[in-house]
All heavy atoms as atom14 arrays in JSON, in Angstrom:
{
  "sequence": "IETMLELTDHYWRHWVRGLATPMEWQDAVIRAAIALKICQHEE",
  "atom14_mask": [
    [1, 1, 1, 1, 1, 1, 1, 1, 0, 0, 0, 0, 0, 0],
    [1, 1, 1, 1, 1, 1, 1, 1, 1, 0, 0, 0, 0, 0],
    [1, 1, 1, 1, 1, 1, 1, 0, 0, 0, 0, 0, 0, 0],
    [1, 1, 1, 1, 1, 1, 1, 1, 0, 0, 0, 0, 0, 0],
    [1, 1, 1, 1, 1, 1, 1, 1, 0, 0, 0, 0, 0, 0],
    [1, 1, 1, 1, 1, 1, 1, 1, 1, 0, 0, 0, 0, 0],
    [1, 1, 1, 1, 1, 1, 1, 1, 0, 0, 0, 0, 0, 0],
    [1, 1, 1, 1, 1, 1, 1, 0, 0, 0, 0, 0, 0, 0],
    [1, 1, 1, 1, 1, 1, 1, 1, 0, 0, 0, 0, 0, 0],
    [1, 1, 1, 1, 1, 1, 1, 1, 1, 1, 0, 0, 0, 0],
    [1, 1, 1, 1, 1, 1, 1, 1, 1, 1, 1, 1, 0, 0],
    [1, 1, 1, 1, 1, 1, 1, 1, 1, 1, 1, 1, 1, 1],
    [1, 1, 1, 1, 1, 1, 1, 1, 1, 1, 1, 0, 0, 0],
    [1, 1, 1, 1, 1, 1, 1, 1, 1, 1, 0, 0, 0, 0],
    [1, 1, 1, 1, 1, 1, 1, 1, 1, 1, 1, 1, 1, 1],
    [1, 1, 1, 1, 1, 1, 1, 0, 0, 0, 0, 0, 0, 0],
    [1, 1, 1, 1, 1, 1, 1, 1, 1, 1, 1, 0, 0, 0],
    [1, 1, 1, 1, 0, 0, 0, 0, 0, 0, 0, 0, 0, 0],
    [1, 1, 1, 1, 1, 1, 1, 1, 0, 0, 0, 0, 0, 0],
    [1, 1, 1, 1, 1, 0, 0, 0, 0, 0, 0, 0, 0, 0],
    [1, 1, 1, 1, 1, 1, 1, 0, 0, 0, 0, 0, 0, 0],
    [1, 1, 1, 1, 1, 1, 1, 0, 0, 0, 0, 0, 0, 0],
    [1, 1, 1, 1, 1, 1, 1, 1, 0, 0, 0, 0, 0, 0],
    [1, 1, 1, 1, 1, 1, 1, 1, 1, 0, 0, 0, 0, 0],
    [1, 1, 1, 1, 1, 1, 1, 1, 1, 1, 1, 1, 1, 1],
    [1, 1, 1, 1, 1, 1, 1, 1, 1, 0, 0, 0, 0, 0],
    [1, 1, 1, 1, 1, 1, 1, 1, 0, 0, 0, 0, 0, 0],
    [1, 1, 1, 1, 1, 0, 0, 0, 0, 0, 0, 0, 0, 0],
    [1, 1, 1, 1, 1, 1, 1, 0, 0, 0, 0, 0, 0, 0],
    [1, 1, 1, 1, 1, 1, 1, 1, 0, 0, 0, 0, 0, 0],
    [1, 1, 1, 1, 1, 1, 1, 1, 1, 1, 1, 0, 0, 0],
    [1, 1, 1, 1, 1, 0, 0, 0, 0, 0, 0, 0, 0, 0],
    [1, 1, 1, 1, 1, 0, 0, 0, 0, 0, 0, 0, 0, 0],
    [1, 1, 1, 1, 1, 1, 1, 1, 0, 0, 0, 0, 0, 0],
    [1, 1, 1, 1, 1, 0, 0, 0, 0, 0, 0, 0, 0, 0],
    [1, 1, 1, 1, 1, 1, 1, 1, 0, 0, 0, 0, 0, 0],
    [1, 1, 1, 1, 1, 1, 1, 1, 1, 0, 0, 0, 0, 0],
    [1, 1, 1, 1, 1, 1, 1, 1, 0, 0, 0, 0, 0, 0],
    [1, 1, 1, 1, 1, 1, 0, 0, 0, 0, 0, 0, 0, 0],
    [1, 1, 1, 1, 1, 1, 1, 1, 1, 0, 0, 0, 0, 0],
    [1, 1, 1, 1, 1, 1, 1, 1, 1, 1, 0, 0, 0, 0],
    [1, 1, 1, 1, 1, 1, 1, 1, 1, 0, 0, 0, 0, 0],
    [1, 1, 1, 1, 1, 1, 1, 1, 1, 0, 0, 0, 0, 0]
  ],
  "atom14_positions": [
    [[142.14, 100.3, 104.98], [141.99, 99.83, 103.65], [140.69, 99.12, 103.42], [139.98, 99.24, 102.41], [143.19, 99.08, 103.16], [144.39, 100.02, 102.92], [142.92, 98.24, 101.9], [145.67, 99.41, 102.51], [0.0, 0.0, 0.0], [0.0, 0.0, 0.0], [0.0, 0.0, 0.0], [0.0, 0.0, 0.0], [0.0, 0.0, 0.0], [0.0, 0.0, 0.0]],
    [[140.33, 98.29, 104.38], [139.02, 97.6, 104.26], [137.87, 98.55, 104.26], [136.84, 98.42, 103.56], [138.91, 96.55, 105.41], [139.88, 95.42, 105.4], [139.64, 94.46, 104.26], [138.54, 94.54, 103.62], [140.49, 93.56, 104.05], [0.0, 0.0, 0.0], [0.0, 0.0, 0.0], [0.0, 0.0, 0.0], [0.0, 0.0, 0.0], [0.0, 0.0, 0.0]],
    [[137.99, 99.66, 105.02], [136.94, 100.71, 105.08], [136.93, 101.36, 103.65], [135.86, 101.67, 103.04], [137.2, 101.72, 106.11], [137.17, 101.01, 107.37], [136.14, 102.79, 106.08], [0.0, 0.0, 0.0], [0.0, 0.0, 0.0], [0.0, 0.0, 0.0], [0.0, 0.0, 0.0], [0.0, 0.0, 0.0], [0.0, 0.0, 0.0], [0.0, 0.0, 0.0]],
    [[138.14, 101.68, 103.11], [138.2, 102.3, 101.78], [137.55, 101.44, 100.74], [136.87, 101.93, 99.85], [139.63, 102.53, 101.42], [140.37, 103.66, 102.15], [142.1, 103.77, 101.64], [142.65, 105.04, 102.7], [0.0, 0.0, 0.0], [0.0, 0.0, 0.0], [0.0, 0.0, 0.0], [0.0, 0.0, 0.0], [0.0, 0.0, 0.0], [0.0, 0.0, 0.0]],
    [[137.82, 100.13, 100.86], [137.18, 99.18, 99.83], [135.69, 99.27, 99.96], [135.03, 99.39, 98.91], [137.67, 97.76, 100.18], [137.03, 96.67, 99.33], [137.42, 96.85, 97.88], [137.48, 95.29, 99.87], [0.0, 0.0, 0.0], [0.0, 0.0, 0.0], [0.0, 0.0, 0.0], [0.0, 0.0, 0.0], [0.0, 0.0, 0.0], [0.0, 0.0, 0.0]],
    [[135.14, 99.2, 101.13], [133.68, 99.25, 101.33], [133.07, 100.57, 100.79], [132.02, 100.54, 100.05], [133.35, 99.05, 102.78], [131.86, 99.08, 103.09], [131.61, 99.01, 104.59], [132.5, 98.66, 105.41], [130.39, 99.11, 104.98], [0.0, 0.0, 0.0], [0.0, 0.0, 0.0], [0.0, 0.0, 0.0], [0.0, 0.0, 0.0], [0.0, 0.0, 0.0]],
    [[133.71, 101.7, 101.06], [133.16, 102.94, 100.66], [133.3, 103.16, 99.16], [132.48, 103.75, 98.49], [133.84, 104.07, 101.4], [133.6, 104.22, 102.89], [134.47, 105.24, 103.6], [132.13, 104.43, 103.18], [0.0, 0.0, 0.0], [0.0, 0.0, 0.0], [0.0, 0.0, 0.0], [0.0, 0.0, 0.0], [0.0, 0.0, 0.0], [0.0, 0.0, 0.0]],
    [[134.44, 102.69, 98.59], [134.61, 102.77, 97.11], [133.65, 101.91, 96.41], [133.05, 102.34, 95.42], [136.07, 102.37, 96.74], [136.99, 103.22, 97.43], [136.22, 102.47, 95.25], [0.0, 0.0, 0.0], [0.0, 0.0, 0.0], [0.0, 0.0, 0.0], [0.0, 0.0, 0.0], [0.0, 0.0, 0.0], [0.0, 0.0, 0.0], [0.0, 0.0, 0.0]],
    [[133.37, 100.71, 96.99], [132.29, 99.87, 96.39], [130.94, 100.53, 96.37], [130.25, 100.58, 95.4], [132.31, 98.61, 97.11], [131.21, 97.59, 96.66], [131.49, 96.75, 95.81], [130.02, 97.67, 97.19], [0.0, 0.0, 0.0], [0.0, 0.0, 0.0], [0.0, 0.0, 0.0], [0.0, 0.0, 0.0], [0.0, 0.0, 0.0], [0.0, 0.0, 0.0]],
    [[130.64, 101.19, 97.5], [129.38, 101.85, 97.64], [129.29, 103.06, 96.58], [128.21, 103.28, 95.99], [129.17, 102.43, 99.01], [127.97, 103.27, 99.18], [126.72, 102.69, 99.36], [127.78, 104.64, 99.23], [125.82, 103.71, 99.46], [126.44, 104.84, 99.41], [0.0, 0.0, 0.0], [0.0, 0.0, 0.0], [0.0, 0.0, 0.0], [0.0, 0.0, 0.0]],
    [[130.42, 103.82, 96.49], [130.37, 104.94, 95.56], [129.99, 104.52, 94.14], [129.08, 105.0, 93.49], [131.73, 105.68, 95.47], [131.74, 106.62, 94.3], [131.21, 107.86, 94.39], [132.28, 106.15, 93.1], [131.13, 108.69, 93.28], [132.24, 106.98, 91.96], [131.67, 108.23, 92.06], [131.55, 109.08, 90.92], [0.0, 0.0, 0.0], [0.0, 0.0, 0.0]],
    [[130.68, 103.45, 93.64], [130.48, 103.04, 92.26], [129.1, 102.42, 92.08], [128.43, 102.7, 91.09], [131.54, 102.06, 91.86], [132.87, 102.68, 91.54], [134.02, 102.63, 92.25], [133.07, 103.58, 90.5], [135.04, 103.31, 91.66], [134.53, 103.96, 90.52], [132.36, 104.12, 89.42], [135.14, 104.87, 89.65], [132.97, 104.99, 88.53], [134.31, 105.34, 88.68]],
    [[128.65, 101.63, 93.01], [127.29, 101.1, 92.9], [126.22, 102.15, 92.89], [125.26, 102.08, 92.15], [127.0, 100.06, 94.01], [127.81, 98.8, 93.88], [127.51, 97.92, 95.1], [128.36, 96.71, 95.11], [127.88, 95.5, 94.64], [126.7, 95.41, 94.1], [128.7, 94.43, 94.62], [0.0, 0.0, 0.0], [0.0, 0.0, 0.0], [0.0, 0.0, 0.0]],
    [[126.42, 103.12, 93.65], [125.48, 104.29, 93.75], [125.45, 105.07, 92.44], [124.47, 105.47, 91.9], [125.82, 105.22, 94.88], [124.9, 106.37, 95.08], [123.59, 106.24, 95.58], [125.04, 107.67, 94.76], [123.06, 107.41, 95.62], [123.78, 108.31, 95.1], [0.0, 0.0, 0.0], [0.0, 0.0, 0.0], [0.0, 0.0, 0.0], [0.0, 0.0, 0.0]],
    [[126.73, 105.28, 91.88], [126.84, 105.99, 90.63], [126.14, 105.2, 89.49], [125.39, 105.76, 88.65], [128.29, 106.24, 90.28], [128.54, 107.05, 89.05], [128.37, 108.43, 88.98], [128.83, 106.66, 87.7], [128.66, 108.88, 87.64], [128.9, 107.83, 86.89], [129.02, 105.38, 87.08], [129.19, 107.78, 85.53], [129.35, 105.36, 85.76], [129.44, 106.51, 85.0]],
    [[126.38, 103.91, 89.4], [125.72, 103.13, 88.32], [124.24, 103.06, 88.52], [123.48, 103.06, 87.51], [126.34, 101.66, 88.36], [125.52, 100.7, 87.48], [127.83, 101.71, 87.9], [0.0, 0.0, 0.0], [0.0, 0.0, 0.0], [0.0, 0.0, 0.0], [0.0, 0.0, 0.0], [0.0, 0.0, 0.0], [0.0, 0.0, 0.0], [0.0, 0.0, 0.0]],
    [[123.78, 103.07, 89.75], [122.34, 103.07, 90.0], [121.59, 104.17, 89.35], [120.42, 104.12, 89.06], [122.12, 103.02, 91.54], [120.67, 102.82, 91.97], [120.62, 102.6, 93.51], [119.28, 102.41, 93.95], [118.52, 103.41, 94.47], [119.07, 104.66, 94.51], [117.32, 103.24, 94.91], [0.0, 0.0, 0.0], [0.0, 0.0, 0.0], [0.0, 0.0, 0.0]],
    [[122.32, 105.39, 89.17], [121.71, 106.45, 88.53], [121.73, 106.47, 87.02], [121.16, 107.45, 86.39], [0.0, 0.0, 0.0], [0.0, 0.0, 0.0], [0.0, 0.0, 0.0], [0.0, 0.0, 0.0], [0.0, 0.0, 0.0], [0.0, 0.0, 0.0], [0.0, 0.0, 0.0], [0.0, 0.0, 0.0], [0.0, 0.0, 0.0], [0.0, 0.0, 0.0]],
    [[122.27, 105.44, 86.42], [122.35, 105.43, 85.0], [121.07, 104.9, 84.31], [120.46, 103.95, 84.81], [123.52, 104.5, 84.47], [124.93, 104.94, 84.93], [125.91, 103.86, 84.35], [125.31, 106.31, 84.49], [0.0, 0.0, 0.0], [0.0, 0.0, 0.0], [0.0, 0.0, 0.0], [0.0, 0.0, 0.0], [0.0, 0.0, 0.0], [0.0, 0.0, 0.0]],
    [[120.64, 105.58, 83.29], [119.44, 105.11, 82.55], [119.87, 104.19, 81.43], [120.02, 104.57, 80.28], [118.69, 106.31, 81.98], [0.0, 0.0, 0.0], [0.0, 0.0, 0.0], [0.0, 0.0, 0.0], [0.0, 0.0, 0.0], [0.0, 0.0, 0.0], [0.0, 0.0, 0.0], [0.0, 0.0, 0.0], [0.0, 0.0, 0.0], [0.0, 0.0, 0.0]],
    [[120.12, 102.92, 81.77], [120.61, 101.95, 80.82], [119.52, 101.41, 79.93], [118.34, 101.37, 80.29], [121.32, 100.78, 81.55], [120.34, 100.13, 82.45], [122.48, 101.27, 82.39], [0.0, 0.0, 0.0], [0.0, 0.0, 0.0], [0.0, 0.0, 0.0], [0.0, 0.0, 0.0], [0.0, 0.0, 0.0], [0.0, 0.0, 0.0], [0.0, 0.0, 0.0]],
    [[119.9, 100.98, 78.77], [118.88, 100.22, 77.92], [118.54, 98.87, 78.49], [119.26, 98.44, 79.4], [119.58, 100.12, 76.55], [121.1, 100.1, 76.95], [121.18, 101.03, 78.06], [0.0, 0.0, 0.0], [0.0, 0.0, 0.0], [0.0, 0.0, 0.0], [0.0, 0.0, 0.0], [0.0, 0.0, 0.0], [0.0, 0.0, 0.0], [0.0, 0.0, 0.0]],
    [[117.49, 98.29, 78.0], [117.12, 96.98, 78.59], [118.08, 95.87, 78.21], [118.45, 95.05, 79.05], [115.69, 96.62, 78.03], [115.01, 95.49, 78.82], [115.5, 93.81, 78.4], [114.71, 93.72, 76.84], [0.0, 0.0, 0.0], [0.0, 0.0, 0.0], [0.0, 0.0, 0.0], [0.0, 0.0, 0.0], [0.0, 0.0, 0.0], [0.0, 0.0, 0.0]],
    [[118.54, 95.9, 76.99], [119.56, 94.91, 76.52], [120.95, 95.44, 76.68], [121.18, 96.57, 76.75], [119.35, 94.51, 75.04], [117.99, 93.85, 74.75], [117.84, 93.48, 73.33], [117.39, 94.34, 72.55], [118.15, 92.32, 72.96], [0.0, 0.0, 0.0], [0.0, 0.0, 0.0], [0.0, 0.0, 0.0], [0.0, 0.0, 0.0], [0.0, 0.0, 0.0]],
    [[121.83, 94.44, 76.86], [123.31, 94.74, 76.84], [123.65, 95.67, 78.06], [124.59, 96.42, 77.91], [123.82, 95.35, 75.55], [123.46, 94.55, 74.34], [123.88, 93.33, 74.07], [122.61, 94.94, 73.21], [123.36, 92.87, 72.91], [122.63, 93.84, 72.32], [121.91, 96.06, 72.96], [121.85, 93.91, 71.19], [121.15, 96.13, 71.78], [121.1, 94.98, 70.9]],
    [[123.03, 95.45, 79.14], [123.27, 96.36, 80.29], [124.71, 96.18, 80.84], [125.39, 97.19, 81.16], [122.3, 96.08, 81.46], [120.91, 96.61, 81.16], [119.94, 96.36, 82.3], [120.16, 96.84, 83.39], [118.95, 95.5, 82.04], [0.0, 0.0, 0.0], [0.0, 0.0, 0.0], [0.0, 0.0, 0.0], [0.0, 0.0, 0.0], [0.0, 0.0, 0.0]],
    [[125.22, 94.96, 80.89], [126.53, 94.73, 81.39], [127.59, 95.48, 80.53], [128.5, 96.13, 81.07], [126.89, 93.26, 81.42], [126.13, 92.47, 82.47], [125.65, 93.15, 83.41], [126.12, 91.26, 82.43], [0.0, 0.0, 0.0], [0.0, 0.0, 0.0], [0.0, 0.0, 0.0], [0.0, 0.0, 0.0], [0.0, 0.0, 0.0], [0.0, 0.0, 0.0]],
    [[127.39, 95.44, 79.22], [128.37, 96.14, 78.3], [128.26, 97.63, 78.54], [129.32, 98.28, 78.47], [128.04, 95.72, 76.84], [0.0, 0.0, 0.0], [0.0, 0.0, 0.0], [0.0, 0.0, 0.0], [0.0, 0.0, 0.0], [0.0, 0.0, 0.0], [0.0, 0.0, 0.0], [0.0, 0.0, 0.0], [0.0, 0.0, 0.0], [0.0, 0.0, 0.0]],
    [[127.05, 98.15, 78.59], [126.88, 99.59, 78.81], [127.49, 100.06, 80.07], [128.19, 101.06, 80.11], [125.44, 99.95, 78.67], [125.2, 101.37, 79.07], [124.89, 99.72, 77.18], [0.0, 0.0, 0.0], [0.0, 0.0, 0.0], [0.0, 0.0, 0.0], [0.0, 0.0, 0.0], [0.0, 0.0, 0.0], [0.0, 0.0, 0.0], [0.0, 0.0, 0.0]],
    [[127.17, 99.32, 81.16], [127.76, 99.72, 82.44], [129.23, 99.67, 82.55], [129.83, 100.64, 83.02], [127.1, 98.85, 83.6], [125.61, 99.16, 83.78], [127.86, 99.05, 84.91], [124.87, 98.19, 84.58], [0.0, 0.0, 0.0], [0.0, 0.0, 0.0], [0.0, 0.0, 0.0], [0.0, 0.0, 0.0], [0.0, 0.0, 0.0], [0.0, 0.0, 0.0]],
    [[129.85, 98.7, 81.99], [131.26, 98.61, 81.95], [131.87, 99.7, 81.18], [132.86, 100.35, 81.56], [131.76, 97.24, 81.45], [133.18, 96.95, 81.63], [133.76, 97.19, 83.0], [132.98, 96.56, 84.13], [133.05, 96.96, 85.34], [133.82, 98.01, 85.71], [132.35, 96.36, 86.29], [0.0, 0.0, 0.0], [0.0, 0.0, 0.0], [0.0, 0.0, 0.0]],
    [[131.32, 100.06, 80.0], [131.8, 101.13, 79.16], [131.67, 102.5, 79.91], [132.52, 103.34, 79.84], [131.07, 101.21, 77.84], [0.0, 0.0, 0.0], [0.0, 0.0, 0.0], [0.0, 0.0, 0.0], [0.0, 0.0, 0.0], [0.0, 0.0, 0.0], [0.0, 0.0, 0.0], [0.0, 0.0, 0.0], [0.0, 0.0, 0.0], [0.0, 0.0, 0.0]],
    [[130.51, 102.62, 80.61], [130.24, 103.9, 81.29], [131.26, 104.13, 82.39], [131.78, 105.24, 82.61], [128.86, 103.96, 81.79], [0.0, 0.0, 0.0], [0.0, 0.0, 0.0], [0.0, 0.0, 0.0], [0.0, 0.0, 0.0], [0.0, 0.0, 0.0], [0.0, 0.0, 0.0], [0.0, 0.0, 0.0], [0.0, 0.0, 0.0], [0.0, 0.0, 0.0]],
    [[131.57, 103.07, 83.22], [132.56, 103.19, 84.31], [133.92, 103.57, 83.68], [134.53, 104.44, 84.24], [132.6, 101.9, 85.06], [131.3, 101.77, 85.96], [133.81, 101.92, 86.06], [131.19, 100.4, 86.63], [0.0, 0.0, 0.0], [0.0, 0.0, 0.0], [0.0, 0.0, 0.0], [0.0, 0.0, 0.0], [0.0, 0.0, 0.0], [0.0, 0.0, 0.0]],
    [[134.27, 102.95, 82.62], [135.59, 103.25, 82.03], [135.63, 104.67, 81.53], [136.67, 105.37, 81.69], [135.84, 102.29, 80.89], [0.0, 0.0, 0.0], [0.0, 0.0, 0.0], [0.0, 0.0, 0.0], [0.0, 0.0, 0.0], [0.0, 0.0, 0.0], [0.0, 0.0, 0.0], [0.0, 0.0, 0.0], [0.0, 0.0, 0.0], [0.0, 0.0, 0.0]],
    [[134.53, 105.17, 80.91], [134.5, 106.61, 80.49], [134.6, 107.43, 81.69], [135.3, 108.55, 81.63], [133.24, 106.85, 79.72], [133.14, 106.28, 78.36], [131.75, 106.59, 77.67], [134.27, 106.77, 77.41], [0.0, 0.0, 0.0], [0.0, 0.0, 0.0], [0.0, 0.0, 0.0], [0.0, 0.0, 0.0], [0.0, 0.0, 0.0], [0.0, 0.0, 0.0]],
    [[133.91, 107.2, 82.8], [133.95, 107.97, 83.97], [135.45, 108.14, 84.45], [135.88, 109.25, 84.85], [133.11, 107.26, 85.03], [133.2, 108.0, 86.41], [132.61, 109.33, 86.51], [132.53, 109.87, 87.94], [132.07, 111.21, 88.02], [0.0, 0.0, 0.0], [0.0, 0.0, 0.0], [0.0, 0.0, 0.0], [0.0, 0.0, 0.0], [0.0, 0.0, 0.0]],
    [[136.21, 107.02, 84.5], [137.52, 107.15, 85.08], [138.49, 107.74, 84.06], [139.67, 108.06, 84.38], [138.04, 105.83, 85.64], [138.24, 104.77, 84.54], [137.17, 105.32, 86.69], [138.87, 103.48, 85.0], [0.0, 0.0, 0.0], [0.0, 0.0, 0.0], [0.0, 0.0, 0.0], [0.0, 0.0, 0.0], [0.0, 0.0, 0.0], [0.0, 0.0, 0.0]],
    [[138.02, 107.98, 82.83], [138.87, 108.74, 81.87], [138.68, 110.27, 82.06], [139.34, 111.06, 81.37], [138.45, 108.4, 80.44], [139.13, 106.78, 79.85], [0.0, 0.0, 0.0], [0.0, 0.0, 0.0], [0.0, 0.0, 0.0], [0.0, 0.0, 0.0], [0.0, 0.0, 0.0], [0.0, 0.0, 0.0], [0.0, 0.0, 0.0], [0.0, 0.0, 0.0]],
    [[137.93, 110.68, 82.99], [137.75, 112.14, 83.32], [138.76, 112.48, 84.42], [138.77, 111.78, 85.46], [136.32, 112.5, 83.72], [136.18, 113.93, 84.0], [134.77, 114.42, 84.12], [133.97, 113.94, 84.87], [134.41, 115.4, 83.28], [0.0, 0.0, 0.0], [0.0, 0.0, 0.0], [0.0, 0.0, 0.0], [0.0, 0.0, 0.0], [0.0, 0.0, 0.0]],
    [[139.51, 113.58, 84.29], [140.3, 114.08, 85.35], [139.4, 115.06, 86.11], [139.21, 116.2, 85.68], [141.51, 114.78, 84.8], [142.46, 115.26, 85.84], [143.22, 114.38, 86.58], [142.81, 116.52, 86.25], [143.97, 115.08, 87.43], [143.76, 116.37, 87.21], [0.0, 0.0, 0.0], [0.0, 0.0, 0.0], [0.0, 0.0, 0.0], [0.0, 0.0, 0.0]],
    [[138.88, 114.66, 87.24], [137.77, 115.34, 87.9], [138.22, 116.69, 88.39], [137.42, 117.63, 88.44], [137.25, 114.53, 89.05], [136.01, 115.08, 89.68], [135.38, 114.03, 90.62], [135.98, 113.87, 91.7], [134.29, 113.52, 90.3], [0.0, 0.0, 0.0], [0.0, 0.0, 0.0], [0.0, 0.0, 0.0], [0.0, 0.0, 0.0], [0.0, 0.0, 0.0]],
    [[139.47, 116.84, 88.71], [139.97, 118.21, 89.26], [139.63, 119.38, 88.3], [139.25, 120.42, 88.73], [141.46, 118.07, 89.47], [142.04, 119.38, 90.01], [143.57, 119.3, 90.25], [144.15, 118.21, 89.91], [144.17, 120.27, 90.73], [0.0, 0.0, 0.0], [0.0, 0.0, 0.0], [0.0, 0.0, 0.0], [0.0, 0.0, 0.0], [0.0, 0.0, 0.0]]
  ]
}
């Protein structure tokens, strides 16, 4: 589980790193983007 935590942390940080966020309100945009991402049923 500790390994899962580390790898899951890495996945999300890497995904967010690829977002072209605006200069202002980045925290709000990133949090909204992550929530939208988990609203997708990837299968």
